[in-house]
Amino acid sequence: MINLSVDDGVARIALDRAAARNALPTAAWHDLAATVAQVPIDARVVLIASDVPGIFSAGADLVDLARLSEDVPARTAFRTAMRAGIDAVAALPMPVVAGVEGGCHGAAVALALACDLIVAAPGARFAIPPARLGIGYPAPDVARLSARVGQGQAARLLFTAATIDAAEAHRIGLVDLLADPAEVAAAIAANDVAALCLLKSTIRDPVDAAHDRAFENSFAAPRFAAATKRYLRA
């Protein structure tokens, strides 16, 4: 259901549950966290994508969620499992790209929001429909949504439960790029892994004083020495 492959610096985590449109039951969120833990530390970028044509993910599995109506302990189990999977993605030290092709709904939007870049193919569609189901949305994911698109657009998406296309998602800032996700991941993977991790850390916490020393130390990198030598010879 969740596959990991590594090729030329790109660690690809792929959702593959065609029969359920890549809907994720409670156990799958734990599987996601376990898969993330297997990403090699020297991977230069992680691409989260789908192996099922036409769908990124339908979000949480409604068949699995239906039991939460009466099974009270299972509610906490679902919430913590979803949190474990999403937070594992967010904690990765290297850049993470969500490659959205087709529908991205509900909890799948929360998964995409945990990534550093959301790259959408032209046919991508986004919706956050918990209000239609009579339920809420996890607070950390609402916070990420608001930080990305602003409170007004977050309210619009959550309150109306409307589906928006890739162009509209890009206009409001939910999507960073309208492009081929694999090409974006490959462009990132062409760069130095240590530099990428440092840049990601700096973007996320630019006031951390440790970044000043890390920036200075980066000039000792072998790749920098090789690059400057090539430049000076030119």
C-alpha atoms as a PDB file:
ATOM      1  CA  MET A   1       0.000   0.000   0.000  1.00  0.00           C
ATOM      2  CA  ILE A   2       2.931   2.321   0.672  1.00  0.00           C
ATOM      3  CA  ASN A   3       6.012   1.698  -1.453  1.00  0.00           C
ATOM      4  CA  LEU A   4       9.520   3.114  -1.069  1.00  0.00           C
ATOM      5  CA  SER A   5      12.046   3.273  -3.881  1.00  0.00           C
ATOM      6  CA  VAL A   6      15.296   5.203  -4.183  1.00  0.00           C
ATOM      7  CA  ASP A   7      16.825   6.245  -7.473  1.00  0.00           C
ATOM      8  CA  ASP A   8      19.556   8.807  -8.134  1.00  0.00           C
ATOM      9  CA  GLY A   9      19.053  10.665  -4.858  1.00  0.00           C
ATOM     10  CA  VAL A  10      15.235  10.682  -5.030  1.00  0.00           C
ATOM     11  CA  ALA A  11      13.432   8.647  -2.364  1.00  0.00           C
ATOM     12  CA  ARG A  12       9.925   8.064  -3.719  1.00  0.00           C
ATOM     13  CA  ILE A  13       7.161   7.173  -1.269  1.00  0.00           C
ATOM     14  CA  ALA A  14       4.182   6.028  -3.316  1.00  0.00           C
ATOM     15  CA  LEU A  15       0.607   5.372  -2.234  1.00  0.00           C
ATOM     16  CA  ASP A  16      -0.764   2.275  -3.932  1.00  0.00           C
ATOM     17  CA  ARG A  17      -4.273   1.194  -2.947  1.00  0.00           C
ATOM     18  CA  ALA A  18      -6.196   1.394  -6.182  1.00  0.00           C
ATOM     19  CA  ALA A  19      -9.328  -0.352  -4.922  1.00  0.00           C
ATOM     20  CA  ALA A  20      -9.916   2.413  -2.365  1.00  0.00           C
ATOM     21  CA  ARG A  21      -8.552   5.385  -4.366  1.00  0.00           C
ATOM     22  CA  ASN A  22      -5.530   5.421  -2.041  1.00  0.00           C
ATOM     23  CA  ALA A  23      -7.709   6.051   1.019  1.00  0.00           C
ATOM     24  CA  LEU A  24      -5.662   5.537   4.179  1.00  0.00           C
ATOM     25  CA  PRO A  25      -7.064   3.477   7.078  1.00  0.00           C
ATOM     26  CA  THR A  26      -5.684   3.906  10.585  1.00  0.00           C
ATOM     27  CA  ALA A  27      -2.982   1.252  10.160  1.00  0.00           C
ATOM     28  CA  ALA A  28      -1.713   2.890   6.965  1.00  0.00           C
ATOM     29  CA  TRP A  29      -0.701   6.042   8.817  1.00  0.00           C
ATOM     30  CA  HIS A  30       1.570   3.916  11.004  1.00  0.00           C
ATOM     31  CA  ASP A  31       2.870   2.248   7.846  1.00  0.00           C
ATOM     32  CA  LEU A  32       3.634   5.679   6.446  1.00  0.00           C
ATOM     33  CA  ALA A  33       5.644   6.599   9.543  1.00  0.00           C
ATOM     34  CA  ALA A  34       7.542   3.305   9.314  1.00  0.00           C
ATOM     35  CA  THR A  35       8.260   3.883   5.621  1.00  0.00           C
ATOM     36  CA  VAL A  36       9.523   7.397   6.302  1.00  0.00           C
ATOM     37  CA  ALA A  37      11.906   5.943   8.884  1.00  0.00           C
ATOM     38  CA  GLN A  38      13.454   3.810   6.109  1.00  0.00           C
ATOM     39  CA  VAL A  39      14.355   6.793   3.903  1.00  0.00           C
ATOM     40  CA  PRO A  40      18.145   6.804   3.524  1.00  0.00           C
ATOM     41  CA  ILE A  41      19.811   9.718   5.278  1.00  0.00           C
ATOM     42  CA  ASP A  42      21.755  10.505   2.109  1.00  0.00           C
ATOM     43  CA  ALA A  43      18.605  10.882  -0.012  1.00  0.00           C
ATOM     44  CA  ARG A  44      18.619  14.404  -1.417  1.00  0.00           C
ATOM     45  CA  VAL A  45      14.852  14.728  -1.795  1.00  0.00           C
ATOM     46  CA  VAL A  46      11.722  12.760  -0.916  1.00  0.00           C
ATOM     47  CA  LEU A  47       8.845  12.654  -3.399  1.00  0.00           C
ATOM     48  CA  ILE A  48       5.448  11.615  -2.053  1.00  0.00           C
ATOM     49  CA  ALA A  49       3.277  10.534  -4.946  1.00  0.00           C
ATOM     50  CA  SER A  50       0.752   7.956  -6.140  1.00  0.00           C
ATOM     51  CA  ASP A  51       1.125   4.757  -8.106  1.00  0.00           C
ATOM     52  CA  VAL A  52      -2.596   4.876  -8.965  1.00  0.00           C
ATOM     53  CA  PRO A  53      -3.438   6.933 -12.067  1.00  0.00           C
ATOM     54  CA  GLY A  54      -5.906   9.775 -11.570  1.00  0.00           C
ATOM     55  CA  ILE A  55      -5.777   9.989  -7.777  1.00  0.00           C
ATOM     56  CA  PHE A  56      -3.264  11.203  -5.215  1.00  0.00           C
ATOM     57  CA  SER A  57      -5.401  10.066  -2.276  1.00  0.00           C
ATOM     58  CA  ALA A  58      -9.026  10.149  -1.211  1.00  0.00           C
ATOM     59  CA  GLY A  59      -7.798  10.894   2.327  1.00  0.00           C
ATOM     60  CA  ALA A  60      -8.778   8.864   5.364  1.00  0.00           C
ATOM     61  CA  ASP A  61     -10.646   5.633   4.664  1.00  0.00           C
ATOM     62  CA  LEU A  62     -14.341   6.292   5.344  1.00  0.00           C
ATOM     63  CA  VAL A  63     -15.034   2.586   5.796  1.00  0.00           C
ATOM     64  CA  ASP A  64     -12.466   2.568   8.574  1.00  0.00           C
ATOM     65  CA  LEU A  65     -13.697   5.875  10.010  1.00  0.00           C
ATOM     66  CA  ALA A  66     -17.322   4.725  10.178  1.00  0.00           C
ATOM     67  CA  ARG A  67     -16.563   2.653  13.274  1.00  0.00           C
ATOM     68  CA  LEU A  68     -15.494   5.791  15.139  1.00  0.00           C
ATOM     69  CA  SER A  69     -19.143   6.692  15.514  1.00  0.00           C
ATOM     70  CA  GLU A  70     -19.443   4.119  18.316  1.00  0.00           C
ATOM     71  CA  ASP A  71     -15.881   3.004  19.083  1.00  0.00           C
ATOM     72  CA  VAL A  72     -14.627   5.795  21.341  1.00  0.00           C
ATOM     73  CA  PRO A  73     -11.070   4.465  21.939  1.00  0.00           C
ATOM     74  CA  ALA A  74     -10.611   4.058  18.188  1.00  0.00           C
ATOM     75  CA  ARG A  75     -11.036   7.821  17.761  1.00  0.00           C
ATOM     76  CA  THR A  76      -7.859   8.511  19.680  1.00  0.00           C
ATOM     77  CA  ALA A  77      -6.083   5.672  17.897  1.00  0.00           C
ATOM     78  CA  PHE A  78      -6.978   7.189  14.513  1.00  0.00           C
ATOM     79  CA  ARG A  79      -5.985  10.712  15.506  1.00  0.00           C
ATOM     80  CA  THR A  80      -2.617   9.650  16.901  1.00  0.00           C
ATOM     81  CA  ALA A  81      -1.894   7.352  13.946  1.00  0.00           C
ATOM     82  CA  MET A  82      -2.609  10.120  11.455  1.00  0.00           C
ATOM     83  CA  ARG A  83      -0.456  12.487  13.498  1.00  0.00           C
ATOM     84  CA  ALA A  84       2.424   9.983  13.565  1.00  0.00           C
ATOM     85  CA  GLY A  85       2.434   9.578   9.794  1.00  0.00           C
ATOM     86  CA  ILE A  86       2.116  13.261   8.942  1.00  0.00           C
ATOM     87  CA  ASP A  87       4.608  14.441  11.558  1.00  0.00           C
ATOM     88  CA  ALA A  88       7.143  11.852  10.392  1.00  0.00           C
ATOM     89  CA  VAL A  89       6.968  13.401   6.928  1.00  0.00           C
ATOM     90  CA  ALA A  90       7.289  16.920   8.320  1.00  0.00           C
ATOM     91  CA  ALA A  91      10.338  15.935  10.394  1.00  0.00           C
ATOM     92  CA  LEU A  92      12.407  14.646   7.462  1.00  0.00           C
ATOM     93  CA  PRO A  93      15.652  16.641   7.260  1.00  0.00           C
ATOM     94  CA  MET A  94      15.818  16.773   3.460  1.00  0.00           C
ATOM     95  CA  PRO A  95      13.352  18.553   1.131  1.00  0.00           C
ATOM     96  CA  VAL A  96      10.021  16.785   0.670  1.00  0.00           C
ATOM     97  CA  VAL A  97       7.855  17.263  -2.422  1.00  0.00           C
ATOM     98  CA  ALA A  98       4.184  16.316  -2.578  1.00  0.00           C
ATOM     99  CA  GLY A  99       3.521  15.344  -6.184  1.00  0.00           C
ATOM    100  CA  VAL A 100      -0.232  15.654  -6.671  1.00  0.00           C
ATOM    101  CA  GLU A 101      -1.749  14.171  -9.801  1.00  0.00           C
ATOM    102  CA  GLY A 102      -5.517  13.752  -9.665  1.00  0.00           C
ATOM    103  CA  GLY A 103      -7.664  14.106  -6.566  1.00  0.00           C
ATOM    104  CA  CYS A 104      -6.251  15.087  -3.184  1.00  0.00           C
ATOM    105  CA  HIS A 105      -8.943  15.085  -0.531  1.00  0.00           C
ATOM    106  CA  GLY A 106      -9.375  15.432   3.219  1.00  0.00           C
ATOM    107  CA  ALA A 107      -6.501  13.959   5.184  1.00  0.00           C
ATOM    108  CA  ALA A 108      -4.433  13.742   1.999  1.00  0.00           C
ATOM    109  CA  VAL A 109      -4.322  17.545   1.936  1.00  0.00           C
ATOM    110  CA  ALA A 110      -2.926  17.420   5.479  1.00  0.00           C
ATOM    111  CA  LEU A 111      -0.254  15.019   4.234  1.00  0.00           C
ATOM    112  CA  ALA A 112       0.638  17.359   1.374  1.00  0.00           C
ATOM    113  CA  LEU A 113       0.794  20.318   3.761  1.00  0.00           C
ATOM    114  CA  ALA A 114       3.507  18.529   5.757  1.00  0.00           C
ATOM    115  CA  CYS A 115       5.763  18.681   2.687  1.00  0.00           C
ATOM    116  CA  ASP A 116       8.059  21.554   1.765  1.00  0.00           C
ATOM    117  CA  LEU A 117       6.698  21.902  -1.762  1.00  0.00           C
ATOM    118  CA  ILE A 118       3.332  20.965  -3.218  1.00  0.00           C
ATOM    119  CA  VAL A 119       3.706  20.409  -6.954  1.00  0.00           C
ATOM    120  CA  ALA A 120       0.537  19.754  -8.913  1.00  0.00           C
ATOM    121  CA  ALA A 121      -0.044  18.341 -12.364  1.00  0.00           C
ATOM    122  CA  PRO A 122      -2.727  20.123 -14.429  1.00  0.00           C
ATOM    123  CA  GLY A 123      -5.441  17.607 -13.520  1.00  0.00           C
ATOM    124  CA  ALA A 124      -4.983  17.883  -9.747  1.00  0.00           C
ATOM    125  CA  ARG A 125      -7.992  18.708  -7.575  1.00  0.00           C
ATOM    126  CA  PHE A 126      -8.174  19.565  -3.889  1.00  0.00           C
ATOM    127  CA  ALA A 127     -10.957  19.416  -1.308  1.00  0.00           C
ATOM    128  CA  ILE A 128     -11.182  19.364   2.485  1.00  0.00           C
ATOM    129  CA  PRO A 129     -14.682  17.998   3.198  1.00  0.00           C
ATOM    130  CA  PRO A 130     -14.929  17.221   6.953  1.00  0.00           C
ATOM    131  CA  ALA A 131     -17.688  19.821   7.440  1.00  0.00           C
ATOM    132  CA  ARG A 132     -19.789  17.851   4.951  1.00  0.00           C
ATOM    133  CA  LEU A 133     -19.286  14.770   7.140  1.00  0.00           C
ATOM    134  CA  GLY A 134     -20.031  16.577  10.399  1.00  0.00           C
ATOM    135  CA  ILE A 135     -16.507  16.279  11.815  1.00  0.00           C
ATOM    136  CA  GLY A 136     -13.509  18.515  12.461  1.00  0.00           C
ATOM    137  CA  TYR A 137      -9.965  18.610  11.098  1.00  0.00           C
ATOM    138  CA  PRO A 138      -6.823  18.161  13.227  1.00  0.00           C
ATOM    139  CA  ALA A 139      -5.616  21.439  14.742  1.00  0.00           C
ATOM    140  CA  PRO A 140      -1.977  21.126  13.554  1.00  0.00           C
ATOM    141  CA  ASP A 141      -3.204  20.637   9.986  1.00  0.00           C
ATOM    142  CA  VAL A 142      -5.576  23.609  10.187  1.00  0.00           C
ATOM    143  CA  ALA A 143      -2.604  25.659  11.409  1.00  0.00           C
ATOM    144  CA  ARG A 144      -0.471  24.537   8.455  1.00  0.00           C
ATOM    145  CA  LEU A 145      -3.303  25.299   6.044  1.00  0.00           C
ATOM    146  CA  SER A 146      -3.804  28.797   7.484  1.00  0.00           C
ATOM    147  CA  ALA A 147      -0.065  29.490   7.421  1.00  0.00           C
ATOM    148  CA  ARG A 148       0.075  28.534   3.754  1.00  0.00           C
ATOM    149  CA  VAL A 149      -3.052  30.174   2.303  1.00  0.00           C
ATOM    150  CA  GLY A 150      -4.127  32.646   4.991  1.00  0.00           C
ATOM    151  CA  GLN A 151      -7.070  32.411   7.368  1.00  0.00           C
ATOM    152  CA  GLY A 152      -9.616  33.603   4.823  1.00  0.00           C
ATOM    153  CA  GLN A 153      -8.805  30.989   2.199  1.00  0.00           C
ATOM    154  CA  ALA A 154      -8.447  28.330   4.897  1.00  0.00           C
ATOM    155  CA  ALA A 155     -11.927  29.207   6.118  1.00  0.00           C
ATOM    156  CA  ARG A 156     -13.251  29.074   2.578  1.00  0.00           C
ATOM    157  CA  LEU A 157     -11.838  25.591   1.951  1.00  0.00           C
ATOM    158  CA  LEU A 158     -12.927  24.207   5.330  1.00  0.00           C
ATOM    159  CA  PHE A 159     -16.356  25.861   5.557  1.00  0.00           C
ATOM    160  CA  THR A 160     -17.526  25.253   1.983  1.00  0.00           C
ATOM    161  CA  ALA A 161     -15.834  21.842   1.485  1.00  0.00           C
ATOM    162  CA  ALA A 162     -15.597  22.894  -2.168  1.00  0.00           C
ATOM    163  CA  THR A 163     -13.326  21.183  -4.677  1.00  0.00           C
ATOM    164  CA  ILE A 164     -10.817  23.464  -6.396  1.00  0.00           C
ATOM    165  CA  ASP A 165      -8.656  22.719  -9.419  1.00  0.00           C
ATOM    166  CA  ALA A 166      -4.888  22.992  -9.709  1.00  0.00           C
ATOM    167  CA  ALA A 167      -4.950  26.515 -11.127  1.00  0.00           C
ATOM    168  CA  GLU A 168      -7.085  27.843  -8.279  1.00  0.00           C
ATOM    169  CA  ALA A 169      -4.983  25.987  -5.698  1.00  0.00           C
ATOM    170  CA  HIS A 170      -1.908  27.652  -7.185  1.00  0.00           C
ATOM    171  CA  ARG A 171      -3.581  31.077  -7.173  1.00  0.00           C
ATOM    172  CA  ILE A 172      -4.348  30.950  -3.454  1.00  0.00           C
ATOM    173  CA  GLY A 173      -0.956  29.492  -2.517  1.00  0.00           C
ATOM    174  CA  LEU A 174      -1.986  25.961  -1.630  1.00  0.00           C
ATOM    175  CA  VAL A 175       0.108  24.689  -4.544  1.00  0.00           C
ATOM    176  CA  ASP A 176       3.633  26.020  -5.094  1.00  0.00           C
ATOM    177  CA  LEU A 177       4.226  24.873  -8.669  1.00  0.00           C
ATOM    178  CA  LEU A 178       2.189  23.640 -11.594  1.00  0.00           C
ATOM    179  CA  ALA A 179       4.703  21.232 -13.065  1.00  0.00           C
ATOM    180  CA  ASP A 180       5.777  17.612 -13.379  1.00  0.00           C
ATOM    181  CA  PRO A 181       6.538  16.541  -9.788  1.00  0.00           C
ATOM    182  CA  ALA A 182       9.199  14.055 -10.893  1.00  0.00           C
ATOM    183  CA  GLU A 183      11.050  16.768 -12.790  1.00  0.00           C
ATOM    184  CA  VAL A 184      11.004  19.077  -9.772  1.00  0.00           C
ATOM    185  CA  ALA A 185      12.303  16.291  -7.538  1.00  0.00           C
ATOM    186  CA  ALA A 186      15.079  15.526 -10.032  1.00  0.00           C
ATOM    187  CA  ALA A 187      16.114  19.184 -10.125  1.00  0.00           C
ATOM    188  CA  ILE A 188      16.396  19.219  -6.343  1.00  0.00           C
ATOM    189  CA  ALA A 189      18.292  15.922  -6.320  1.00  0.00           C
ATOM    190  CA  ALA A 190      20.958  17.444  -8.560  1.00  0.00           C
ATOM    191  CA  ASN A 191      22.171  19.506  -5.595  1.00  0.00           C
ATOM    192  CA  ASP A 192      24.263  18.827  -2.489  1.00  0.00           C
ATOM    193  CA  VAL A 193      22.469  16.919   0.269  1.00  0.00           C
ATOM    194  CA  ALA A 194      24.110  18.794   3.156  1.00  0.00           C
ATOM    195  CA  ALA A 195      23.319  22.150   1.576  1.00  0.00           C
ATOM    196  CA  LEU A 196      19.713  21.114   0.960  1.00  0.00           C
ATOM    197  CA  CYS A 197      19.252  20.030   4.574  1.00  0.00           C
ATOM    198  CA  LEU A 198      20.816  23.249   5.855  1.00  0.00           C
ATOM    199  CA  LEU A 199      18.641  25.377   3.594  1.00  0.00           C
ATOM    200  CA  LYS A 200      15.503  23.512   4.676  1.00  0.00           C
ATOM    201  CA  SER A 201      16.406  23.976   8.335  1.00  0.00           C
ATOM    202  CA  THR A 202      17.036  27.681   7.769  1.00  0.00           C
ATOM    203  CA  ILE A 203      13.718  28.175   5.973  1.00  0.00           C
ATOM    204  CA  ARG A 204      11.857  26.517   8.820  1.00  0.00           C
ATOM    205  CA  ASP A 205      13.642  28.371  11.627  1.00  0.00           C
ATOM    206  CA  PRO A 206      15.559  31.367  10.259  1.00  0.00           C
ATOM    207  CA  VAL A 207      16.243  32.881  13.710  1.00  0.00           C
ATOM    208  CA  ASP A 208      18.185  29.865  14.985  1.00  0.00           C
ATOM    209  CA  ALA A 209      21.656  31.227  15.798  1.00  0.00           C
ATOM    210  CA  ALA A 210      23.205  27.848  14.958  1.00  0.00           C
ATOM    211  CA  HIS A 211      22.568  28.573  11.287  1.00  0.00           C
ATOM    212  CA  ASP A 212      25.229  31.297  11.270  1.00  0.00           C
ATOM    213  CA  ARG A 213      27.957  28.809  12.164  1.00  0.00           C
ATOM    214  CA  ALA A 214      26.491  26.176   9.855  1.00  0.00           C
ATOM    215  CA  PHE A 215      26.561  28.699   6.993  1.00  0.00           C
ATOM    216  CA  GLU A 216      30.219  29.464   7.687  1.00  0.00           C
ATOM    217  CA  ASN A 217      31.105  25.770   7.950  1.00  0.00           C
ATOM    218  CA  SER A 218      29.423  25.026   4.637  1.00  0.00           C
ATOM    219  CA  PHE A 219      32.325  26.692   2.819  1.00  0.00           C
ATOM    220  CA  ALA A 220      34.466  23.722   3.844  1.00  0.00           C
ATOM    221  CA  ALA A 221      32.301  21.353   1.800  1.00  0.00           C
ATOM    222  CA  PRO A 222      34.180  19.359  -0.870  1.00  0.00           C
ATOM    223  CA  ARG A 223      31.464  20.204  -3.386  1.00  0.00           C
ATOM    224  CA  PHE A 224      32.055  23.933  -2.857  1.00  0.00           C
ATOM    225  CA  ALA A 225      35.788  23.528  -3.390  1.00  0.00           C
ATOM    226  CA  ALA A 226      35.214  21.542  -6.583  1.00  0.00           C
ATOM    227  CA  ALA A 227      32.659  24.032  -7.894  1.00  0.00           C
ATOM    228  CA  THR A 228      34.889  27.055  -7.321  1.00  0.00           C
ATOM    229  CA  LYS A 229      37.820  25.321  -8.982  1.00  0.00           C
ATOM    230  CA  ARG A 230      35.712  24.667 -12.076  1.00  0.00           C
ATOM    231  CA  TYR A 231      34.579  28.285 -12.103  1.00  0.00           C
ATOM    232  CA  LEU A 232      38.096  29.663 -11.753  1.00  0.00           C
ATOM    233  CA  ARG A 233      39.306  27.496 -14.635  1.00  0.00           C
ATOM    234  CA  ALA A 234      36.546  28.762 -16.922  1.00  0.00           C
END
